[in-house]
Amino acid sequence: MNKLFSTYKVLAYVVGVLLLVGTICSLFKYLLPEGNALQSFGETMTPLWVAHGWVFIIYVIVAFLLTQKARWTIPEFLLMMIAGLVPGLIFWVERRVADRIAPLLADGAAS
């Protein structure tokens, strides 16, 4: 389970960063005047959402496998899913998951 958790952790940070950057770029794209340099930058970063979508799909699979191995409940899994859709929330959830999984990894019970 160590490798699975490590993979989850990396994916959580990647999804979180892509979501934050994508959200900021979208704000630039839609809220700034047409032709503004930041507005143009926001428009060129649109493919970032495609990357976020693909990485999020992998994140969902890994999070599901992790919750199954740790024998967590469906609401805990759903919180992990929602975290990948709300900017910034995933960093708090990843920390919470790390705190909950640390005893399992220390015991070696979930190898």
N, C-alpha and C. Protein backbone atom coordinates (compact mmCIF):
# COMPACT_ATOMS: atom_id res chain seq x y z
N MET A 1 0.82 -1.19 0.00
CA MET A 1 0.00 0.00 0.00
C MET A 1 0.86 1.26 0.00
N ASN A 2 2.12 1.13 0.33
CA ASN A 2 3.04 2.27 0.32
C ASN A 2 3.12 2.90 -1.07
N LYS A 3 3.27 2.07 -2.10
CA LYS A 3 3.37 2.59 -3.47
C LYS A 3 2.05 3.23 -3.90
N LEU A 4 0.96 2.62 -3.52
CA LEU A 4 -0.36 3.16 -3.87
C LEU A 4 -0.56 4.53 -3.22
N PHE A 5 -0.18 4.65 -1.95
CA PHE A 5 -0.32 5.94 -1.27
C PHE A 5 0.61 6.99 -1.88
N SER A 6 1.83 6.59 -2.21
CA SER A 6 2.77 7.53 -2.84
C SER A 6 2.22 8.02 -4.18
N THR A 7 1.64 7.11 -4.94
CA THR A 7 1.04 7.49 -6.22
C THR A 7 -0.13 8.44 -5.99
N TYR A 8 -0.96 8.13 -5.00
CA TYR A 8 -2.09 8.99 -4.67
C TYR A 8 -1.60 10.40 -4.31
N LYS A 9 -0.57 10.46 -3.49
CA LYS A 9 -0.06 11.74 -3.02
C LYS A 9 0.44 12.60 -4.20
N VAL A 10 1.20 12.00 -5.10
CA VAL A 10 1.70 12.73 -6.27
C VAL A 10 0.53 13.19 -7.13
N LEU A 11 -0.41 12.31 -7.39
CA LEU A 11 -1.56 12.67 -8.22
C LEU A 11 -2.39 13.77 -7.57
N ALA A 12 -2.54 13.72 -6.26
CA ALA A 12 -3.31 14.75 -5.56
C ALA A 12 -2.66 16.12 -5.75
N TYR A 13 -1.36 16.19 -5.62
CA TYR A 13 -0.67 17.47 -5.81
C TYR A 13 -0.76 17.93 -7.26
N VAL A 14 -0.61 17.03 -8.21
CA VAL A 14 -0.68 17.40 -9.63
C VAL A 14 -2.08 17.90 -9.96
N VAL A 15 -3.10 17.17 -9.53
CA VAL A 15 -4.49 17.59 -9.78
C VAL A 15 -4.75 18.94 -9.12
N GLY A 16 -4.28 19.11 -7.89
CA GLY A 16 -4.49 20.37 -7.18
C GLY A 16 -3.85 21.56 -7.87
N VAL A 17 -2.62 21.39 -8.31
CA VAL A 17 -1.91 22.48 -8.99
C VAL A 17 -2.58 22.78 -10.33
N LEU A 18 -2.91 21.74 -11.10
CA LEU A 18 -3.58 21.97 -12.38
C LEU A 18 -4.91 22.68 -12.19
N LEU A 19 -5.64 22.31 -11.15
CA LEU A 19 -6.94 22.93 -10.88
C LEU A 19 -6.78 24.39 -10.50
N LEU A 20 -5.82 24.69 -9.63
CA LEU A 20 -5.60 26.09 -9.24
C LEU A 20 -5.15 26.94 -10.41
N VAL A 21 -4.17 26.46 -11.16
CA VAL A 21 -3.66 27.22 -12.31
C VAL A 21 -4.75 27.37 -13.36
N GLY A 22 -5.48 26.30 -13.63
CA GLY A 22 -6.56 26.37 -14.61
C GLY A 22 -7.65 27.35 -14.21
N THR A 23 -7.98 27.38 -12.93
CA THR A 23 -9.01 28.31 -12.45
C THR A 23 -8.54 29.75 -12.60
N ILE A 24 -7.31 30.01 -12.23
CA ILE A 24 -6.77 31.37 -12.36
C ILE A 24 -6.74 31.79 -13.83
N CYS A 25 -6.30 30.88 -14.69
CA CYS A 25 -6.26 31.19 -16.13
C CYS A 25 -7.65 31.42 -16.69
N SER A 26 -8.63 30.67 -16.21
CA SER A 26 -10.01 30.87 -16.66
C SER A 26 -10.53 32.24 -16.21
N LEU A 27 -10.17 32.65 -15.01
CA LEU A 27 -10.56 33.98 -14.55
C LEU A 27 -9.94 35.06 -15.45
N PHE A 28 -8.68 34.87 -15.81
CA PHE A 28 -8.04 35.80 -16.74
C PHE A 28 -8.79 35.83 -18.06
N LYS A 29 -9.09 34.63 -18.56
CA LYS A 29 -9.70 34.51 -19.88
C LYS A 29 -11.08 35.17 -19.95
N TYR A 30 -11.89 34.97 -18.92
CA TYR A 30 -13.27 35.42 -18.99
C TYR A 30 -13.56 36.76 -18.30
N LEU A 31 -12.69 37.20 -17.40
CA LEU A 31 -12.99 38.41 -16.66
C LEU A 31 -12.19 39.63 -17.12
N LEU A 32 -11.10 39.41 -17.85
CA LEU A 32 -10.30 40.55 -18.31
C LEU A 32 -10.73 40.97 -19.71
N PRO A 33 -10.48 42.23 -20.05
CA PRO A 33 -10.88 42.73 -21.37
C PRO A 33 -10.19 41.97 -22.51
N GLU A 34 -10.91 41.81 -23.60
CA GLU A 34 -10.39 41.14 -24.80
C GLU A 34 -9.12 41.83 -25.27
N GLY A 35 -8.10 41.05 -25.60
CA GLY A 35 -6.85 41.60 -26.11
C GLY A 35 -5.82 41.91 -25.03
N ASN A 36 -6.23 41.89 -23.79
CA ASN A 36 -5.32 42.09 -22.67
C ASN A 36 -4.31 40.94 -22.67
N ALA A 37 -3.06 41.21 -22.27
CA ALA A 37 -2.01 40.18 -22.29
C ALA A 37 -2.38 39.00 -21.38
N LEU A 38 -2.91 39.30 -20.19
CA LEU A 38 -3.30 38.21 -19.28
C LEU A 38 -4.51 37.44 -19.82
N GLN A 39 -5.41 38.16 -20.50
CA GLN A 39 -6.56 37.49 -21.08
C GLN A 39 -6.10 36.53 -22.17
N SER A 40 -5.16 36.95 -22.98
CA SER A 40 -4.61 36.09 -24.03
C SER A 40 -3.89 34.89 -23.43
N PHE A 41 -3.16 35.13 -22.34
CA PHE A 41 -2.48 34.04 -21.65
C PHE A 41 -3.49 33.03 -21.13
N GLY A 42 -4.57 33.53 -20.53
CA GLY A 42 -5.62 32.64 -20.04
C GLY A 42 -6.23 31.81 -21.15
N GLU A 43 -6.37 32.41 -22.32
CA GLU A 43 -6.94 31.70 -23.47
C GLU A 43 -6.00 30.61 -23.98
N THR A 44 -4.70 30.88 -23.98
CA THR A 44 -3.75 29.87 -24.46
C THR A 44 -3.58 28.71 -23.49
N MET A 45 -4.01 28.89 -22.24
CA MET A 45 -3.87 27.83 -21.23
C MET A 45 -5.08 26.90 -21.19
N THR A 46 -6.01 27.03 -22.11
CA THR A 46 -7.20 26.18 -22.15
C THR A 46 -6.87 24.68 -22.19
N PRO A 47 -5.84 24.24 -22.92
CA PRO A 47 -5.51 22.81 -22.92
C PRO A 47 -5.14 22.26 -21.53
N LEU A 48 -4.87 23.16 -20.61
CA LEU A 48 -4.57 22.73 -19.24
C LEU A 48 -5.74 21.95 -18.65
N TRP A 49 -6.96 22.33 -19.03
CA TRP A 49 -8.14 21.63 -18.53
C TRP A 49 -8.20 20.20 -19.05
N VAL A 50 -7.72 19.98 -20.26
CA VAL A 50 -7.67 18.62 -20.80
C VAL A 50 -6.70 17.77 -19.96
N ALA A 51 -5.55 18.35 -19.65
CA ALA A 51 -4.57 17.64 -18.82
C ALA A 51 -5.16 17.35 -17.44
N HIS A 52 -5.84 18.34 -16.86
CA HIS A 52 -6.47 18.13 -15.55
C HIS A 52 -7.49 16.99 -15.63
N GLY A 53 -8.26 16.95 -16.69
CA GLY A 53 -9.27 15.90 -16.83
C GLY A 53 -8.66 14.51 -16.88
N TRP A 54 -7.61 14.34 -17.66
CA TRP A 54 -6.98 13.02 -17.76
C TRP A 54 -6.30 12.61 -16.46
N VAL A 55 -5.60 13.55 -15.84
CA VAL A 55 -4.94 13.23 -14.57
C VAL A 55 -5.99 12.96 -13.50
N PHE A 56 -7.10 13.70 -13.53
CA PHE A 56 -8.17 13.48 -12.55
C PHE A 56 -8.76 12.08 -12.67
N ILE A 57 -8.91 11.59 -13.88
CA ILE A 57 -9.42 10.22 -14.08
C ILE A 57 -8.49 9.21 -13.42
N ILE A 58 -7.20 9.38 -13.61
CA ILE A 58 -6.23 8.47 -12.98
C ILE A 58 -6.28 8.63 -11.46
N TYR A 59 -6.42 9.87 -11.00
CA TYR A 59 -6.55 10.15 -9.57
C TYR A 59 -7.76 9.42 -8.97
N VAL A 60 -8.88 9.45 -9.67
CA VAL A 60 -10.09 8.78 -9.19
C VAL A 60 -9.84 7.28 -9.04
N ILE A 61 -9.20 6.68 -10.01
CA ILE A 61 -8.93 5.24 -9.95
C ILE A 61 -8.01 4.91 -8.78
N VAL A 62 -6.95 5.67 -8.63
CA VAL A 62 -6.00 5.42 -7.54
C VAL A 62 -6.66 5.67 -6.19
N ALA A 63 -7.45 6.73 -6.07
CA ALA A 63 -8.15 7.02 -4.82
C ALA A 63 -9.13 5.90 -4.48
N PHE A 64 -9.82 5.38 -5.48
CA PHE A 64 -10.74 4.27 -5.25
C PHE A 64 -9.98 3.04 -4.74
N LEU A 65 -8.88 2.71 -5.39
CA LEU A 65 -8.08 1.56 -4.95
C LEU A 65 -7.56 1.76 -3.53
N LEU A 66 -7.14 2.97 -3.22
CA LEU A 66 -6.62 3.26 -1.88
C LEU A 66 -7.72 3.12 -0.83
N THR A 67 -8.91 3.64 -1.11
CA THR A 67 -10.00 3.52 -0.14
C THR A 67 -10.44 2.08 0.03
N GLN A 68 -10.36 1.29 -1.02
CA GLN A 68 -10.70 -0.13 -0.92
C GLN A 68 -9.68 -0.87 -0.05
N LYS A 69 -8.39 -0.61 -0.28
CA LYS A 69 -7.34 -1.27 0.50
C LYS A 69 -7.42 -0.88 1.97
N ALA A 70 -7.72 0.40 2.23
CA ALA A 70 -7.78 0.90 3.61
C ALA A 70 -9.12 0.60 4.26
N ARG A 71 -10.06 0.10 3.47
CA ARG A 71 -11.42 -0.23 3.94
C ARG A 71 -12.14 0.99 4.52
N TRP A 72 -12.06 2.08 3.75
CA TRP A 72 -12.74 3.29 4.15
C TRP A 72 -14.15 3.30 3.56
N THR A 73 -14.97 4.22 4.04
CA THR A 73 -16.37 4.29 3.62
C THR A 73 -16.53 5.08 2.32
N ILE A 74 -17.70 4.96 1.73
CA ILE A 74 -18.01 5.68 0.49
C ILE A 74 -17.96 7.20 0.70
N PRO A 75 -18.48 7.75 1.81
CA PRO A 75 -18.35 9.20 2.00
C PRO A 75 -16.89 9.69 2.00
N GLU A 76 -16.00 8.90 2.53
CA GLU A 76 -14.59 9.28 2.50
C GLU A 76 -14.06 9.29 1.07
N PHE A 77 -14.48 8.32 0.29
CA PHE A 77 -14.10 8.29 -1.12
C PHE A 77 -14.69 9.49 -1.86
N LEU A 78 -15.94 9.81 -1.58
CA LEU A 78 -16.59 10.95 -2.24
C LEU A 78 -15.91 12.26 -1.89
N LEU A 79 -15.44 12.40 -0.64
CA LEU A 79 -14.71 13.60 -0.27
C LEU A 79 -13.43 13.72 -1.10
N MET A 80 -12.77 12.60 -1.32
CA MET A 80 -11.56 12.61 -2.15
C MET A 80 -11.89 13.03 -3.58
N MET A 81 -13.05 12.63 -4.09
CA MET A 81 -13.45 12.99 -5.45
C MET A 81 -13.80 14.47 -5.54
N ILE A 82 -14.57 14.96 -4.60
CA ILE A 82 -14.96 16.37 -4.60
C ILE A 82 -13.73 17.27 -4.48
N ALA A 83 -12.73 16.80 -3.74
CA ALA A 83 -11.51 17.59 -3.54
C ALA A 83 -10.80 17.89 -4.86
N GLY A 84 -10.95 17.01 -5.83
CA GLY A 84 -10.32 17.23 -7.13
C GLY A 84 -11.08 18.18 -8.02
N LEU A 85 -12.22 18.68 -7.52
CA LEU A 85 -13.05 19.58 -8.31
C LEU A 85 -13.17 20.97 -7.69
N VAL A 86 -12.75 21.11 -6.44
CA VAL A 86 -12.83 22.40 -5.74
C VAL A 86 -11.41 22.92 -5.54
N PRO A 87 -11.08 24.06 -6.14
CA PRO A 87 -9.71 24.58 -6.05
C PRO A 87 -9.23 24.71 -4.60
N GLY A 88 -8.07 24.14 -4.33
CA GLY A 88 -7.44 24.23 -3.01
C GLY A 88 -7.85 23.15 -2.02
N LEU A 89 -9.03 22.60 -2.15
CA LEU A 89 -9.52 21.62 -1.19
C LEU A 89 -8.69 20.34 -1.18
N ILE A 90 -8.15 19.97 -2.32
CA ILE A 90 -7.43 18.71 -2.44
C ILE A 90 -6.19 18.67 -1.53
N PHE A 91 -5.59 19.83 -1.27
CA PHE A 91 -4.40 19.86 -0.42
C PHE A 91 -4.77 19.52 1.03
N TRP A 92 -5.92 20.01 1.49
CA TRP A 92 -6.39 19.69 2.84
C TRP A 92 -6.78 18.21 2.92
N VAL A 93 -7.47 17.71 1.91
CA VAL A 93 -7.90 16.31 1.91
C VAL A 93 -6.69 15.39 1.85
N GLU A 94 -5.69 15.72 1.04
CA GLU A 94 -4.49 14.89 0.96
C GLU A 94 -3.82 14.79 2.32
N ARG A 95 -3.76 15.90 3.04
CA ARG A 95 -3.16 15.90 4.38
C ARG A 95 -3.97 15.01 5.33
N ARG A 96 -5.28 15.10 5.21
CA ARG A 96 -6.17 14.28 6.05
C ARG A 96 -6.00 12.80 5.73
N VAL A 97 -5.90 12.46 4.45
CA VAL A 97 -5.68 11.08 4.04
C VAL A 97 -4.34 10.59 4.57
N ALA A 98 -3.32 11.42 4.47
CA ALA A 98 -1.98 11.04 4.96
C ALA A 98 -2.02 10.76 6.46
N ASP A 99 -2.74 11.58 7.21
CA ASP A 99 -2.85 11.37 8.66
C ASP A 99 -3.59 10.08 8.99
N ARG A 100 -4.62 9.77 8.20
CA ARG A 100 -5.41 8.56 8.47
C ARG A 100 -4.69 7.28 8.04
N ILE A 101 -3.86 7.39 7.02
CA ILE A 101 -3.22 6.19 6.49
C ILE A 101 -1.89 5.89 7.18
N ALA A 102 -1.31 6.88 7.86
CA ALA A 102 0.00 6.71 8.50
C ALA A 102 0.02 5.51 9.46
N PRO A 103 -1.00 5.33 10.32
CA PRO A 103 -0.96 4.16 11.20
C PRO A 103 -1.00 2.84 10.44
N LEU A 104 -1.74 2.80 9.34
CA LEU A 104 -1.80 1.57 8.54
C LEU A 104 -0.45 1.25 7.92
N LEU A 105 0.24 2.28 7.45
CA LEU A 105 1.55 2.08 6.84
C LEU A 105 2.59 1.70 7.90
N ALA A 106 2.46 2.28 9.11
CA ALA A 106 3.40 1.98 10.20
C ALA A 106 3.26 0.54 10.66
N ASP A 107 2.02 0.07 10.73
CA ASP A 107 1.76 -1.31 11.16
C ASP A 107 2.20 -2.32 10.10
N GLY A 108 2.23 -1.87 8.87
CA GLY A 108 2.54 -2.79 7.79
C GLY A 108 1.39 -3.73 7.50
N ALA A 109 0.23 -3.41 8.10
CA ALA A 109 -0.94 -4.27 7.95
C ALA A 109 -1.53 -4.22 6.55
N ALA A 110 -1.27 -3.15 5.84
CA ALA A 110 -1.89 -2.98 4.53
C ALA A 110 -0.85 -3.02 3.42
N SER A 111 0.04 -3.91 3.49
CA SER A 111 1.12 -3.97 2.49
C SER A 111 0.58 -4.26 1.15
